[in-house]
Amino acid sequence: MSWLGPRLKGDPISRNPTMSDPTQPSYVGNVYSASALLDMYAKCDRVEDAYKVFKGMPEHSMEREGVRINDGTFAPLLTLLDDPEFYKLTMQIHSKIIKHGFTSDNTVCNAIITSYSDCGSIEDAKQVFESATNTQDLVTWNSMLASYLAHNKGALAFKLFIEMQGLGFEPDIYTYTSMISACFEDAHQNQGKSLHALVIKKGLEQSIPISNSLIAMYLKSNRKYVEDAIEIFESMGVKDNVSWNSILTGFSQYGLSEDTLKFFQKLQLGPLGLDHYAFSSVLRSCSDLATLQLGQQVHALALKSGFDLNDFVASSLIFMYSKCGIIEDARKSFEATPKDNSIIWNSLIFGYAQHGQGKAALDLFFLMRDSKVKLDHITFVAVLNACSHIGMVEEGCSILKSMESDFGIPPRMEHYACGIDLFGRAGRLEEAKALIEAMPFEPDAMVWKTLLGACRICGDIKLATQVASRLLEQEPEEHCTYVLLSNMYGLLKRWDEKASVKRLMRERGVMKVPGWSWIEVKNKVHAFNAEDHSHPCCEEIYQVLEELMDEIKNFENATYLELICDLDCLD
């Protein structure tokens, strides 16, 4: 035993089993050897081997030798049970803990709470927590808080947060970090600001994990809080990669692409270095700017740094090349990357959909299915988009219907929106309406906007007016609904109704946000909005535009010509 223990607890290389089968009874018969083996397998994330050792551990010998089962036996195994498929196994281990009378051991108790939560049973986690009232420590409270938050029970988490302080438990960095993460949505921003004030009061604002959580909170809730996030970031005495990546991700998320590039360069020149999150964020920004040359430079840097095969980086590369119009290079990035999960596949399916290559997207979807890669809800959004863009209505309907029956994935709001778009683009408004009525939940603004867009394509002003009235109730400050309805009235030469929509916009203080387009020429990005005359080459540009419009007028479809010529619609 003198040589075995150190080898098992040493570096990862020495953890490779040196025996033919360490889980055999001859090896687990010794309590100390078995405990060391259990610890090793837990650290190596080998659930089956750990459980074999655990089952073979001689309980009678433990009792005779006075060995106490503690965090060296139960806790390592419990840390592995983090999926609903291990729920029954967690219950079996819990029963052994009760049998041996070790429920009062804090380490074991905390591990049980976390394991039940990870296995999907918040009620069991709560029951264990409440039964440990005499032995609860701060870690116990933090474990229960994290469990509530993992199950989207923010109200119960805040109630527990207040209760623990009433009982004399002072929140620590982990507590605040967990609670701040519950305030990422805009609806909880007031609670988040209160927590921020409490952090300052307690003198914890220089804690890196807390500052990182606050940055993420402000960036994920609403674009108007970007400055708050930057202020926290700049005030940090010490920053880690999480700090930088939170800022980069937030900038990329809100389309602040130039800021993303600037901060990426600062990170690159600093002592921390780049990681896959940083590369993923900056590649997304290159996609938004459609800067192919810059994207290729970042690709070369990722290749040099060894991050090009990372799932997130490869996905962003595929997205970038697709957005820049080079679908062939997107496919090359796909082929060069391990295809173990859905992230890579989904990105290329989206790319094919964006390029109108619906058949290629469907072929890839079926190849993904046949390759036994686990499909997810994003996979179906991608393939339904592809079907919609090229009018493959029947194929799209079949896939939508098969989601739950064949793949066990209940359709979400976004899948129904794709189905509505599918019918709408094909001019089948009645079926689009029927799909909305068949939804198992109330349609949100995204669904109504999709139907409104379908009404515009089909020219159904009656239905468009009904849909727009719903949207204006839900989102009275959203300019797109007003603009689209106004344009439809204009196309039908119903000037009074068009004027009334514009008057309503003025009364509500709604401003039309101009659309922007940009193009990269010789590594320089040129941006334009509708009727823009600010570019130094605008005379030459408009001359070419007039020539193109003359060519367009040769087409016979007057309805689509009107849509193309209506600059408001382009906004």
Foldseek 3Di string as FASTA:
>chain_A
DVPQLCLLPDDPVSVPDPDPQCLDLVNLADPVSLLSNLLSCLVVLNQVSNVSSLVSHDPVVCVVVVPDDACSRQLSNLVSQQALVCQVVLVVSVVVCVVVVNLLHASNLLSSLLNCLSSPHLVVSVVSLVVNVPRDAQSSLLSNLLSCVVVLNLVVSVVSVVVCVVVPHDDDPSSLLSNLLSQLAQVNVVVNVVSVVVCVVVVNLQPASNLLSNLLSQLRHDPVSNVVSVVSLVPHPDYAPSSLLSNLQSCLVVLVLVVNVVSLVVQCPDDRHDDLSSLLSNLSSCLSLLQVVVNVVSCVVCVVVVNLQPLSNLLSNLSSCLSNPNNVVSVVSLVVYDDQACSSLLSNLLSCLVVLNLVVSVVSLVVCVVVVHQDAQSNLLSNLSSCQSNLVLVVNVVSQVCCCVPRNYPHDLSSLLSNLSSCLSVVNLVVNVVSCVPDPDHHDLSSLVSSLVSCLNNLVLVVNVVSLVVNCVRCVQDCPSLLSNLVSCVVVVVVVVSVVSVVSCVVVVHDDDWDKDWDDDPSDIDIDTPPDDPDPCVVVVVVVVVVVLVVVVVDDPVVVNVCVPPSSNVD
